PDB file of N, CA and C in Angstrom:
ATOM      1  N   MET A   1      17.208  13.574  12.697  1.00  0.00           N
ATOM      2  CA  MET A   1      16.870  12.196  12.406  1.00  0.00           C
ATOM      3  C   MET A   1      15.366  11.959  12.576  1.00  0.00           C
ATOM      4  N   LYS A   2      14.809  12.538  13.660  1.00  0.00           N
ATOM      5  CA  LYS A   2      13.383  12.379  13.902  1.00  0.00           C
ATOM      6  C   LYS A   2      12.567  13.043  12.786  1.00  0.00           C
ATOM      7  N   THR A   3      13.027  14.199  12.322  1.00  0.00           N
ATOM      8  CA  THR A   3      12.336  14.903  11.240  1.00  0.00           C
ATOM      9  C   THR A   3      12.339  14.074   9.962  1.00  0.00           C
ATOM     10  N   LEU A   4      13.468  13.447   9.664  1.00  0.00           N
ATOM     11  CA  LEU A   4      13.561  12.599   8.477  1.00  0.00           C
ATOM     12  C   LEU A   4      12.610  11.408   8.595  1.00  0.00           C
ATOM     13  N   ALA A   5      12.579  10.782   9.767  1.00  0.00           N
ATOM     14  CA  ALA A   5      11.690   9.638   9.975  1.00  0.00           C
ATOM     15  C   ALA A   5      10.229  10.047   9.822  1.00  0.00           C
ATOM     16  N   LEU A   6       9.872  11.207  10.353  1.00  0.00           N
ATOM     17  CA  LEU A   6       8.498  11.686  10.220  1.00  0.00           C
ATOM     18  C   LEU A   6       8.163  12.028   8.771  1.00  0.00           C
ATOM     19  N   ARG A   7       9.125  12.569   8.048  1.00  0.00           N
ATOM     20  CA  ARG A   7       8.913  12.875   6.638  1.00  0.00           C
ATOM     21  C   ARG A   7       8.692  11.593   5.826  1.00  0.00           C
ATOM     22  N   ILE A   8       9.473  10.567   6.128  1.00  0.00           N
ATOM     23  CA  ILE A   8       9.306   9.278   5.448  1.00  0.00           C
ATOM     24  C   ILE A   8       7.931   8.698   5.769  1.00  0.00           C
ATOM     25  N   TYR A   9       7.535   8.780   7.034  1.00  0.00           N
ATOM     26  CA  TYR A   9       6.222   8.267   7.435  1.00  0.00           C
ATOM     27  C   TYR A   9       5.095   9.032   6.733  1.00  0.00           C
ATOM     28  N   ASP A  10       5.203  10.358   6.675  1.00  0.00           N
ATOM     29  CA  ASP A  10       4.174  11.164   6.015  1.00  0.00           C
ATOM     30  C   ASP A  10       4.077  10.833   4.529  1.00  0.00           C
ATOM     31  N   THR A  11       5.227  10.612   3.896  1.00  0.00           N
ATOM     32  CA  THR A  11       5.235  10.230   2.482  1.00  0.00           C
ATOM     33  C   THR A  11       4.574   8.869   2.298  1.00  0.00           C
ATOM     34  N   TYR A  12       4.905   7.929   3.180  1.00  0.00           N
ATOM     35  CA  TYR A  12       4.285   6.601   3.149  1.00  0.00           C
ATOM     36  C   TYR A  12       2.769   6.717   3.290  1.00  0.00           C
ATOM     37  N   GLU A  13       2.314   7.502   4.247  1.00  0.00           N
ATOM     38  CA  GLU A  13       0.886   7.698   4.471  1.00  0.00           C
ATOM     39  C   GLU A  13       0.213   8.305   3.237  1.00  0.00           C
ATOM     40  N   TYR A  14       0.871   9.264   2.610  1.00  0.00           N
ATOM     41  CA  TYR A  14       0.299   9.923   1.443  1.00  0.00           C
ATOM     42  C   TYR A  14       0.128   8.948   0.273  1.00  0.00           C
ATOM     43  N   VAL A  15       1.073   8.027   0.142  1.00  0.00           N
ATOM     44  CA  VAL A  15       1.008   7.089  -0.977  1.00  0.00           C
ATOM     45  C   VAL A  15       0.070   5.921  -0.685  1.00  0.00           C
ATOM     46  N   PHE A  16       0.167   5.332   0.508  1.00  0.00           N
ATOM     47  CA  PHE A  16      -0.545   4.085   0.777  1.00  0.00           C
ATOM     48  C   PHE A  16      -1.828   4.210   1.588  1.00  0.00           C
ATOM     49  N   ASN A  17      -2.048   5.303   2.276  1.00  0.00           N
ATOM     50  CA  ASN A  17      -3.269   5.447   3.060  1.00  0.00           C
ATOM     51  C   ASN A  17      -4.387   5.918   2.142  1.00  0.00           C
ATOM     52  N   SER A  18      -5.403   5.094   2.005  1.00  0.00           N
ATOM     53  CA  SER A  18      -6.472   5.418   1.056  1.00  0.00           C
ATOM     54  C   SER A  18      -7.305   6.620   1.489  1.00  0.00           C
ATOM     55  N   ASP A  19      -7.190   7.049   2.738  1.00  0.00           N
ATOM     56  CA  ASP A  19      -7.901   8.246   3.187  1.00  0.00           C
ATOM     57  C   ASP A  19      -7.139   9.520   2.867  1.00  0.00           C
ATOM     58  N   LYS A  20      -5.844   9.410   2.567  1.00  0.00           N
ATOM     59  CA  LYS A  20      -5.013  10.592   2.335  1.00  0.00           C
ATOM     60  C   LYS A  20      -4.497  10.715   0.903  1.00  0.00           C
ATOM     61  N   SER A  21      -4.412   9.620   0.198  1.00  0.00           N
ATOM     62  CA  SER A  21      -3.863   9.666  -1.160  1.00  0.00           C
ATOM     63  C   SER A  21      -4.883  10.250  -2.126  1.00  0.00           C
ATOM     64  N   PRO A  22      -4.440  10.697  -3.277  1.00  0.00           N
ATOM     65  CA  PRO A  22      -5.387  11.206  -4.285  1.00  0.00           C
ATOM     66  C   PRO A  22      -6.393  10.150  -4.749  1.00  0.00           C
ATOM     67  N   LEU A  23      -6.093   8.887  -4.526  1.00  0.00           N
ATOM     68  CA  LEU A  23      -7.027   7.830  -4.920  1.00  0.00           C
ATOM     69  C   LEU A  23      -8.243   7.754  -3.994  1.00  0.00           C
ATOM     70  N   ARG A  24      -8.272   8.559  -2.937  1.00  0.00           N
ATOM     71  CA  ARG A  24      -9.396   8.539  -1.990  1.00  0.00           C
ATOM     72  C   ARG A  24     -10.710   8.942  -2.660  1.00  0.00           C
ATOM     73  N   HIS A  25     -10.620   9.592  -3.803  1.00  0.00           N
ATOM     74  CA  HIS A  25     -11.821  10.033  -4.501  1.00  0.00           C
ATOM     75  C   HIS A  25     -12.482   8.902  -5.291  1.00  0.00           C
ATOM     76  N   ILE A  26     -11.818   7.759  -5.365  1.00  0.00           N
ATOM     77  CA  ILE A  26     -12.393   6.594  -6.043  1.00  0.00           C
ATOM     78  C   ILE A  26     -13.112   5.764  -4.975  1.00  0.00           C
ATOM     79  N   PRO A  27     -14.430   5.630  -5.058  1.00  0.00           N
ATOM     80  CA  PRO A  27     -15.174   4.966  -3.983  1.00  0.00           C
ATOM     81  C   PRO A  27     -14.962   3.450  -3.904  1.00  0.00           C
ATOM     82  N   ASP A  28     -14.635   2.813  -5.007  1.00  0.00           N
ATOM     83  CA  ASP A  28     -14.514   1.360  -5.039  1.00  0.00           C
ATOM     84  C   ASP A  28     -13.101   0.916  -4.675  1.00  0.00           C
ATOM     85  N   PRO A  29     -12.930   0.165  -3.567  1.00  0.00           N
ATOM     86  CA  PRO A  29     -11.585  -0.283  -3.173  1.00  0.00           C
ATOM     87  C   PRO A  29     -10.934  -1.218  -4.185  1.00  0.00           C
ATOM     88  N   VAL A  30     -11.725  -1.968  -4.923  1.00  0.00           N
ATOM     89  CA  VAL A  30     -11.162  -2.866  -5.937  1.00  0.00           C
ATOM     90  C   VAL A  30     -10.539  -2.039  -7.063  1.00  0.00           C
ATOM     91  N   SER A  31     -11.182  -0.961  -7.428  1.00  0.00           N
ATOM     92  CA  SER A  31     -10.629  -0.080  -8.456  1.00  0.00           C
ATOM     93  C   SER A  31      -9.346   0.571  -7.962  1.00  0.00           C
ATOM     94  N   ARG A  32      -9.310   0.950  -6.699  1.00  0.00           N
ATOM     95  CA  ARG A  32      -8.080   1.509  -6.112  1.00  0.00           C
ATOM     96  C   ARG A  32      -6.940   0.493  -6.195  1.00  0.00           C
ATOM     97  N   PHE A  33      -7.267  -0.758  -5.847  1.00  0.00           N
ATOM     98  CA  PHE A  33      -6.253  -1.812  -5.894  1.00  0.00           C
ATOM     99  C   PHE A  33      -5.761  -2.015  -7.323  1.00  0.00           C
ATOM    100  N   TYR A  34      -6.673  -2.013  -8.280  1.00  0.00           N
ATOM    101  CA  TYR A  34      -6.305  -2.189  -9.681  1.00  0.00           C
ATOM    102  C   TYR A  34      -5.360  -1.070 -10.126  1.00  0.00           C
ATOM    103  N   ILE A  35      -5.692   0.154  -9.788  1.00  0.00           N
ATOM    104  CA  ILE A  35      -4.850   1.287 -10.176  1.00  0.00           C
ATOM    105  C   ILE A  35      -3.495   1.206  -9.506  1.00  0.00           C
ATOM    106  N   MET A  36      -3.459   0.831  -8.221  1.00  0.00           N
ATOM    107  CA  MET A  36      -2.169   0.688  -7.525  1.00  0.00           C
ATOM    108  C   MET A  36      -1.332  -0.428  -8.154  1.00  0.00           C
ATOM    109  N   THR A  37      -1.976  -1.497  -8.612  1.00  0.00           N
ATOM    110  CA  THR A  37      -1.251  -2.586  -9.266  1.00  0.00           C
ATOM    111  C   THR A  37      -0.650  -2.119 -10.588  1.00  0.00           C
ATOM    112  N   ILE A  38      -1.404  -1.347 -11.351  1.00  0.00           N
ATOM    113  CA  ILE A  38      -0.890  -0.797 -12.609  1.00  0.00           C
ATOM    114  C   ILE A  38       0.295   0.134 -12.323  1.00  0.00           C
ATOM    115  N   LEU A  39       0.158   0.969 -11.298  1.00  0.00           N
ATOM    116  CA  LEU A  39       1.266   1.859 -10.929  1.00  0.00           C
ATOM    117  C   LEU A  39       2.501   1.058 -10.504  1.00  0.00           C
ATOM    118  N   ALA A  40       2.296  -0.037  -9.778  1.00  0.00           N
ATOM    119  CA  ALA A  40       3.418  -0.879  -9.367  1.00  0.00           C
ATOM    120  C   ALA A  40       4.128  -1.472 -10.584  1.00  0.00           C
ATOM    121  N   ALA A  41       3.358  -1.909 -11.573  1.00  0.00           N
ATOM    122  CA  ALA A  41       3.957  -2.460 -12.796  1.00  0.00           C
ATOM    123  C   ALA A  41       4.748  -1.387 -13.536  1.00  0.00           C
ATOM    124  N   MET A  42       4.203  -0.180 -13.589  1.00  0.00           N
ATOM    125  CA  MET A  42       4.915   0.907 -14.266  1.00  0.00           C
ATOM    126  C   MET A  42       6.217   1.251 -13.536  1.00  0.00           C
ATOM    127  N   TRP A  43       6.156   1.312 -12.208  1.00  0.00           N
ATOM    128  CA  TRP A  43       7.374   1.606 -11.452  1.00  0.00           C
ATOM    129  C   TRP A  43       8.395   0.483 -11.586  1.00  0.00           C
ATOM    130  N   SER A  44       7.921  -0.757 -11.618  1.00  0.00           N
ATOM    131  CA  SER A  44       8.830  -1.893 -11.795  1.00  0.00           C
ATOM    132  C   SER A  44       9.545  -1.809 -13.137  1.00  0.00           C
ATOM    133  N   PHE A  45       8.795  -1.484 -14.185  1.00  0.00           N
ATOM    134  CA  PHE A  45       9.391  -1.344 -15.506  1.00  0.00           C
ATOM    135  C   PHE A  45      10.408  -0.195 -15.516  1.00  0.00           C
ATOM    136  N   THR A  46      10.053   0.919 -14.892  1.00  0.00           N
ATOM    137  CA  THR A  46      10.955   2.072 -14.839  1.00  0.00           C
ATOM    138  C   THR A  46      12.253   1.726 -14.121  1.00  0.00           C
ATOM    139  N   ILE A  47      12.144   1.009 -13.005  1.00  0.00           N
ATOM    140  CA  ILE A  47      13.349   0.604 -12.258  1.00  0.00           C
ATOM    141  C   ILE A  47      14.199  -0.335 -13.098  1.00  0.00           C
ATOM    142  N   ALA A  48      13.542  -1.267 -13.797  1.00  0.00           N
ATOM    143  CA  ALA A  48      14.288  -2.209 -14.634  1.00  0.00           C
ATOM    144  C   ALA A  48      15.022  -1.482 -15.753  1.00  0.00           C
ATOM    145  N   VAL A  49      14.372  -0.525 -16.388  1.00  0.00           N
ATOM    146  CA  VAL A  49      15.018   0.246 -17.455  1.00  0.00           C
ATOM    147  C   VAL A  49      16.156   1.083 -16.882  1.00  0.00           C
ATOM    148  N   TYR A  50      15.933   1.684 -15.721  1.00  0.00           N
ATOM    149  CA  TYR A  50      16.964   2.502 -15.088  1.00  0.00           C
ATOM    150  C   TYR A  50      18.208   1.668 -14.757  1.00  0.00           C
ATOM    151  N   LEU A  51      17.980   0.450 -14.271  1.00  0.00           N
ATOM    152  CA  LEU A  51      19.115  -0.423 -13.956  1.00  0.00           C
ATOM    153  C   LEU A  51      19.753  -0.991 -15.220  1.00  0.00           C
ATOM    154  N   GLY A  52      19.076  -0.857 -16.338  1.00  0.00           N
ATOM    155  CA  GLY A  52      19.648  -1.284 -17.602  1.00  0.00           C
ATOM    156  C   GLY A  52      19.531  -2.765 -17.873  1.00  0.00           C
ATOM    157  N   ASN A  53      18.684  -3.438 -17.145  1.00  0.00           N
ATOM    158  CA  ASN A  53      18.546  -4.866 -17.353  1.00  0.00           C
ATOM    159  C   ASN A  53      17.081  -5.241 -17.203  1.00  0.00           C
ATOM    160  N   ILE A  54      16.482  -5.648 -18.269  1.00  0.00           N
ATOM    161  CA  ILE A  54      15.064  -5.968 -18.270  1.00  0.00           C
ATOM    162  C   ILE A  54      14.765  -7.229 -17.458  1.00  0.00           C
ATOM    163  N   ILE A  55      15.763  -8.027 -17.152  1.00  0.00           N
ATOM    164  CA  ILE A  55      15.564  -9.218 -16.317  1.00  0.00           C
ATOM    165  C   ILE A  55      15.061  -8.822 -14.934  1.00  0.00           C
ATOM    166  N   TYR A  56      15.474  -7.663 -14.459  1.00  0.00           N
ATOM    167  CA  TYR A  56      15.039  -7.198 -13.143  1.00  0.00           C
ATOM    168  C   TYR A  56      13.549  -6.832 -13.126  1.00  0.00           C
ATOM    169  N   PHE A  57      12.960  -6.668 -14.304  1.00  0.00           N
ATOM    170  CA  PHE A  57      11.556  -6.294 -14.365  1.00  0.00           C
ATOM    171  C   PHE A  57      10.673  -7.325 -13.676  1.00  0.00           C
ATOM    172  N   GLY A  58      10.888  -8.586 -13.964  1.00  0.00           N
ATOM    173  CA  GLY A  58      10.074  -9.647 -13.353  1.00  0.00           C
ATOM    174  C   GLY A  58      10.222  -9.696 -11.847  1.00  0.00           C
ATOM    175  N   ILE A  59      11.447  -9.569 -11.381  1.00  0.00           N
ATOM    176  CA  ILE A  59      11.705  -9.580  -9.943  1.00  0.00           C
ATOM    177  C   ILE A  59      11.066  -8.366  -9.283  1.00  0.00           C
ATOM    178  N   SER A  60      11.252  -7.211  -9.892  1.00  0.00           N
ATOM    179  CA  SER A  60      10.696  -5.985  -9.335  1.00  0.00           C
ATOM    180  C   SER A  60       9.170  -5.999  -9.374  1.00  0.00           C
ATOM    181  N   LEU A  61       8.593  -6.485 -10.459  1.00  0.00           N
ATOM    182  CA  LEU A  61       7.138  -6.564 -10.566  1.00  0.00           C
ATOM    183  C   LEU A  61       6.567  -7.512  -9.513  1.00  0.00           C
ATOM    184  N   ALA A  62       7.219  -8.647  -9.333  1.00  0.00           N
ATOM    185  CA  ALA A  62       6.756  -9.600  -8.326  1.00  0.00           C
ATOM    186  C   ALA A  62       6.841  -8.993  -6.925  1.00  0.00           C
ATOM    187  N   ALA A  63       7.943  -8.321  -6.636  1.00  0.00           N
ATOM    188  CA  ALA A  63       8.112  -7.717  -5.314  1.00  0.00           C
ATOM    189  C   ALA A  63       7.071  -6.627  -5.071  1.00  0.00           C
ATOM    190  N   HIS A  64       6.872  -5.752  -6.063  1.00  0.00           N
ATOM    191  CA  HIS A  64       5.864  -4.696  -5.915  1.00  0.00           C
ATOM    192  C   HIS A  64       4.462  -5.292  -5.746  1.00  0.00           C
ATOM    193  N   SER A  65       4.146  -6.305  -6.518  1.00  0.00           N
ATOM    194  CA  SER A  65       2.816  -6.922  -6.444  1.00  0.00           C
ATOM    195  C   SER A  65       2.578  -7.575  -5.089  1.00  0.00           C
ATOM    196  N   ILE A  66       3.586  -8.242  -4.569  1.00  0.00           N
ATOM    197  CA  ILE A  66       3.455  -8.888  -3.262  1.00  0.00           C
ATOM    198  C   ILE A  66       3.242  -7.845  -2.170  1.00  0.00           C
ATOM    199  N   VAL A  67       4.005  -6.758  -2.209  1.00  0.00           N
ATOM    200  CA  VAL A  67       3.850  -5.701  -1.212  1.00  0.00           C
ATOM    201  C   VAL A  67       2.451  -5.090  -1.293  1.00  0.00           C
ATOM    202  N   LEU A  68       1.988  -4.795  -2.499  1.00  0.00           N
ATOM    203  CA  LEU A  68       0.644  -4.228  -2.655  1.00  0.00           C
ATOM    204  C   LEU A  68      -0.438  -5.190  -2.202  1.00  0.00           C
ATOM    205  N   LEU A  69      -0.311  -6.445  -2.566  1.00  0.00           N
ATOM    206  CA  LEU A  69      -1.298  -7.443  -2.174  1.00  0.00           C
ATOM    207  C   LEU A  69      -1.381  -7.559  -0.661  1.00  0.00           C
ATOM    208  N   MET A  70      -0.252  -7.630   0.007  1.00  0.00           N
ATOM    209  CA  MET A  70      -0.248  -7.752   1.462  1.00  0.00           C
ATOM    210  C   MET A  70      -0.779  -6.485   2.124  1.00  0.00           C
ATOM    211  N   PHE A  71      -0.444  -5.320   1.572  1.00  0.00           N
ATOM    212  CA  PHE A  71      -0.949  -4.078   2.142  1.00  0.00           C
ATOM    213  C   PHE A  71      -2.468  -4.019   2.051  1.00  0.00           C
ATOM    214  N   PHE A  72      -3.014  -4.295   0.877  1.00  0.00           N
ATOM    215  CA  PHE A  72      -4.460  -4.213   0.717  1.00  0.00           C
ATOM    216  C   PHE A  72      -5.183  -5.337   1.453  1.00  0.00           C
ATOM    217  N   PHE A  73      -4.565  -6.499   1.586  1.00  0.00           N
ATOM    218  CA  PHE A  73      -5.161  -7.572   2.372  1.00  0.00           C
ATOM    219  C   PHE A  73      -5.254  -7.157   3.838  1.00  0.00           C
ATOM    220  N   THR A  74      -4.169  -6.588   4.354  1.00  0.00           N
ATOM    221  CA  THR A  74      -4.160  -6.124   5.742  1.00  0.00           C
ATOM    222  C   THR A  74      -5.182  -5.017   5.940  1.00  0.00           C
ATOM    223  N   MET A  75      -5.246  -4.089   4.996  1.00  0.00           N
ATOM    224  CA  MET A  75      -6.220  -3.005   5.080  1.00  0.00           C
ATOM    225  C   MET A  75      -7.645  -3.570   5.082  1.00  0.00           C
ATOM    226  N   ALA A  76      -7.912  -4.567   4.274  1.00  0.00           N
ATOM    227  CA  ALA A  76      -9.248  -5.163   4.219  1.00  0.00           C
ATOM    228  C   ALA A  76      -9.603  -5.857   5.524  1.00  0.00           C
ATOM    229  N   VAL A  77      -8.641  -6.541   6.128  1.00  0.00           N
ATOM    230  CA  VAL A  77      -8.887  -7.208   7.409  1.00  0.00           C
ATOM    231  C   VAL A  77      -9.228  -6.184   8.484  1.00  0.00           C
ATOM    232  N   PHE A  78      -8.455  -5.105   8.573  1.00  0.00           N
ATOM    233  CA  PHE A  78      -8.719  -4.085   9.578  1.00  0.00           C
ATOM    234  C   PHE A  78     -10.028  -3.350   9.300  1.00  0.00           C
ATOM    235  N   TYR A  79     -10.335  -3.090   8.050  1.00  0.00           N
ATOM    236  CA  TYR A  79     -11.596  -2.441   7.698  1.00  0.00           C
ATOM    237  C   TYR A  79     -12.774  -3.319   8.106  1.00  0.00           C
ATOM    238  N   ASP A  80     -12.684  -4.604   7.799  1.00  0.00           N
ATOM    239  CA  ASP A  80     -13.753  -5.536   8.156  1.00  0.00           C
ATOM    240  C   ASP A  80     -13.894  -5.645   9.671  1.00  0.00           C
ATOM    241  N   ALA A  81     -12.778  -5.689  10.377  1.00  0.00           N
ATOM    242  CA  ALA A  81     -12.821  -5.781  11.837  1.00  0.00           C
ATOM    243  C   ALA A  81     -13.446  -4.527  12.442  1.00  0.00           C
ATOM    244  N   LYS A  82     -13.132  -3.381  11.877  1.00  0.00           N
ATOM    245  CA  LYS A  82     -13.705  -2.124  12.381  1.00  0.00           C
ATOM    246  C   LYS A  82     -15.210  -2.092  12.121  1.00  0.00           C
ATOM    247  N   ARG A  83     -15.609  -2.513  10.940  1.00  0.00           N
ATOM    248  CA  ARG A  83     -17.021  -2.508  10.584  1.00  0.00           C
ATOM    249  C   ARG A  83     -17.827  -3.468  11.456  1.00  0.00           C
ATOM    250  N   ASN A  84     -17.255  -4.628  11.774  1.00  0.00           N
ATOM    251  CA  ASN A  84     -17.952  -5.651  12.563  1.00  0.00           C
ATOM    252  C   ASN A  84     -17.698  -5.530  14.061  1.00  0.00           C
ATOM    253  N   GLN A  85     -16.892  -4.549  14.460  1.00  0.00           N
ATOM    254  CA  GLN A  85     -16.528  -4.365  15.873  1.00  0.00           C
ATOM    255  C   GLN A  85     -15.984  -5.660  16.484  1.00  0.00           C
ATOM    256  N   SER A  86     -15.030  -6.272  15.794  1.00  0.00           N
ATOM    257  CA  SER A  86     -14.428  -7.517  16.254  1.00  0.00           C
ATOM    258  C   SER A  86     -13.727  -7.314  17.593  1.00  0.00           C
ATOM    259  N   SER A  87     -13.817  -8.312  18.427  1.00  0.00           N
ATOM    260  CA  SER A  87     -13.261  -8.198  19.778  1.00  0.00           C
ATOM    261  C   SER A  87     -11.742  -8.054  19.764  1.00  0.00           C
ATOM    262  N   TRP A  88     -11.048  -8.696  18.821  1.00  0.00           N
ATOM    263  CA  TRP A  88      -9.585  -8.585  18.807  1.00  0.00           C
ATOM    264  C   TRP A  88      -9.145  -7.162  18.504  1.00  0.00           C
ATOM    265  N   LEU A  89      -9.895  -6.462  17.670  1.00  0.00           N
ATOM    266  CA  LEU A  89      -9.547  -5.081  17.360  1.00  0.00           C
ATOM    267  C   LEU A  89      -9.821  -4.176  18.555  1.00  0.00           C
ATOM    268  N   ILE A  90     -10.942  -4.408  19.229  1.00  0.00           N
ATOM    269  CA  ILE A  90     -11.264  -3.623  20.427  1.00  0.00           C
ATOM    270  C   ILE A  90     -10.192  -3.834  21.497  1.00  0.00           C
ATOM    271  N   ASN A  91      -9.780  -5.082  21.689  1.00  0.00           N
ATOM    272  CA  ASN A  91      -8.726  -5.380  22.684  1.00  0.00           C
ATOM    273  C   ASN A  91      -7.400  -4.740  22.283  1.00  0.00           C
ATOM    274  N   LEU A  92      -7.081  -4.742  21.019  1.00  0.00           N
ATOM    275  CA  LEU A  92      -5.836  -4.147  20.541  1.00  0.00           C
ATOM    276  C   LEU A  92      -5.833  -2.636  20.789  1.00  0.00           C
ATOM    277  N   ARG A  93      -6.972  -1.988  20.568  1.00  0.00           N
ATOM    278  CA  ARG A  93      -7.070  -0.549  20.811  1.00  0.00           C
ATOM    279  C   ARG A  93      -6.962  -0.218  22.299  1.00  0.00           C
ATOM    280  N   ARG A  94      -7.488  -1.064  23.162  1.00  0.00           N
ATOM    281  CA  ARG A  94      -7.434  -0.833  24.607  1.00  0.00           C
ATOM    282  C   ARG A  94      -6.026  -0.963  25.165  1.00  0.00           C
ATOM    283  N   GLN A  95      -5.158  -1.737  24.510  1.00  0.00           N
ATOM    284  CA  GLN A  95      -3.810  -2.003  24.999  1.00  0.00           C
ATOM    285  C   GLN A  95      -2.843  -0.857  24.750  1.00  0.00           C
ATOM    286  N   LYS A  96      -3.284   0.226  24.118  1.00  0.00           N
ATOM    287  CA  LYS A  96      -2.401   1.355  23.815  1.00  0.00           C
ATOM    288  C   LYS A  96      -1.707   1.787  25.034  1.00  0.00           C
TER     289      LYS A  96
END
């Protein structure tokens, strides 16, 4: 069970961590976000076709877009906090 959980985590890191994914070679974070959004739309369309109902495309696209938006927003907040040495981030690291 632990091995499966670690495998899922490693896969998640490979896809969404900009330091580990193949998109790390793109220096502009906005371009990375744009490409991830296009990929989300493609996956949403694929899921909708697989389920056999194009109505699911809108729901799936919205869900994928919301997840990507929140992920990149969170990443931007943490990146900015690290760059500015914000006190809340320093306190959070000390509480480990």
